[in-house]
């Protein structure tokens, strides 16, 4: 079980790093998040008739969701998203 505690500890540490980097108190972080929200289509559909463009837009959105997960979810919730689901 030690390996799973190390993995959870790693997720906690990474979550803290994201939270510090994208702190809402930090004006620069807010500016970057606003820009990324637009670029990554945080609130828009990623559908495009061209499959290649659609795939690129989905990739951008995946990055946005990862950032959001790490700054909004607690370590236990992150474990459910990124950890091994067949354990517990």
Protein backbone atom coordinates (compact mmCIF):
# COMPACT_ATOMS: atom_id res chain seq x y z
CA UNK A 1 0.00 0.00 0.00
CA UNK A 2 2.95 2.34 0.40
CA UNK A 3 3.06 2.99 -3.35
CA UNK A 4 -0.53 4.25 -3.25
CA UNK A 5 0.20 6.61 -0.39
CA UNK A 6 3.17 7.94 -2.38
CA UNK A 7 0.88 8.46 -5.37
CA UNK A 8 -1.68 10.29 -3.24
CA UNK A 9 1.07 12.40 -1.70
CA UNK A 10 2.30 13.25 -5.18
CA UNK A 11 -1.21 14.34 -6.21
CA UNK A 12 -1.50 16.50 -3.08
CA UNK A 13 1.84 18.12 -3.85
CA UNK A 14 0.96 18.72 -7.50
CA UNK A 15 -2.45 20.12 -6.53
CA UNK A 16 -0.75 22.57 -4.17
CA UNK A 17 1.66 23.64 -6.92
CA UNK A 18 -1.24 24.30 -9.31
CA UNK A 19 -3.13 26.21 -6.61
CA UNK A 20 -0.12 28.40 -5.86
CA UNK A 21 0.56 29.02 -9.54
CA UNK A 22 -3.05 29.87 -10.37
CA UNK A 23 -4.02 31.60 -7.12
CA UNK A 24 -7.04 33.91 -7.58
CA UNK A 25 -5.28 36.50 -5.40
CA UNK A 26 -2.52 36.75 -8.02
CA UNK A 27 -3.48 39.26 -10.75
CA UNK A 28 -1.09 37.71 -13.28
CA UNK A 29 -2.61 34.27 -12.62
CA UNK A 30 -6.11 35.66 -13.19
CA UNK A 31 -5.03 37.19 -16.49
CA UNK A 32 -3.45 33.91 -17.62
CA UNK A 33 -6.52 31.89 -16.60
CA UNK A 34 -8.82 34.26 -18.47
CA UNK A 35 -6.66 33.92 -21.57
CA UNK A 36 -6.48 30.13 -21.26
CA UNK A 37 -10.24 29.92 -20.75
CA UNK A 38 -10.74 31.59 -24.12
CA UNK A 39 -7.97 29.71 -25.90
CA UNK A 40 -9.01 26.33 -24.49
CA UNK A 41 -12.73 26.93 -25.08
CA UNK A 42 -13.55 26.46 -21.43
CA UNK A 43 -17.18 27.46 -21.95
CA UNK A 44 -17.64 26.71 -25.64
CA UNK A 45 -18.15 23.62 -27.73
CA UNK A 46 -15.03 22.13 -29.27
CA UNK A 47 -16.96 20.67 -32.20
CA UNK A 48 -15.59 21.35 -35.64
CA UNK A 49 -16.50 19.59 -38.88
CA UNK A 50 -12.81 19.07 -39.66
CA UNK A 51 -11.69 16.14 -37.48
CA UNK A 52 -8.14 17.43 -37.16
CA UNK A 53 -9.26 20.83 -35.93
CA UNK A 54 -11.77 19.16 -33.61
CA UNK A 55 -8.99 16.99 -32.14
CA UNK A 56 -6.77 20.03 -31.56
CA UNK A 57 -9.61 21.87 -29.83
CA UNK A 58 -10.32 18.84 -27.63
CA UNK A 59 -6.64 18.77 -26.65
CA UNK A 60 -6.80 22.40 -25.59
CA UNK A 61 -9.91 21.69 -23.53
CA UNK A 62 -8.24 18.71 -21.87
CA UNK A 63 -5.45 21.00 -20.64
CA UNK A 64 -8.02 23.47 -19.28
CA UNK A 65 -9.85 20.71 -17.43
CA UNK A 66 -6.60 19.44 -15.92
CA UNK A 67 -5.77 22.89 -14.56
CA UNK A 68 -9.30 23.28 -13.19
CA UNK A 69 -9.22 19.85 -11.57
CA UNK A 70 -5.97 20.62 -9.81
CA UNK A 71 -7.07 24.00 -8.47
CA UNK A 72 -10.66 23.10 -7.56
CA UNK A 73 -10.67 19.46 -6.42
CA UNK A 74 -9.34 18.23 -3.12
CA UNK A 75 -6.69 15.46 -3.10
CA UNK A 76 -9.26 12.69 -2.59
CA UNK A 77 -11.28 13.91 -5.55
CA UNK A 78 -8.10 14.13 -7.65
CA UNK A 79 -7.28 10.56 -6.70
CA UNK A 80 -10.65 9.47 -8.10
CA UNK A 81 -9.98 11.33 -11.36
CA UNK A 82 -6.28 10.48 -11.86
CA UNK A 83 -5.58 7.59 -9.49
CA UNK A 84 -6.09 3.90 -9.99
CA UNK A 85 -9.82 3.33 -9.89
CA UNK A 86 -9.54 -0.42 -9.36
CA UNK A 87 -8.00 0.10 -5.92
CA UNK A 88 -9.96 1.20 -2.84
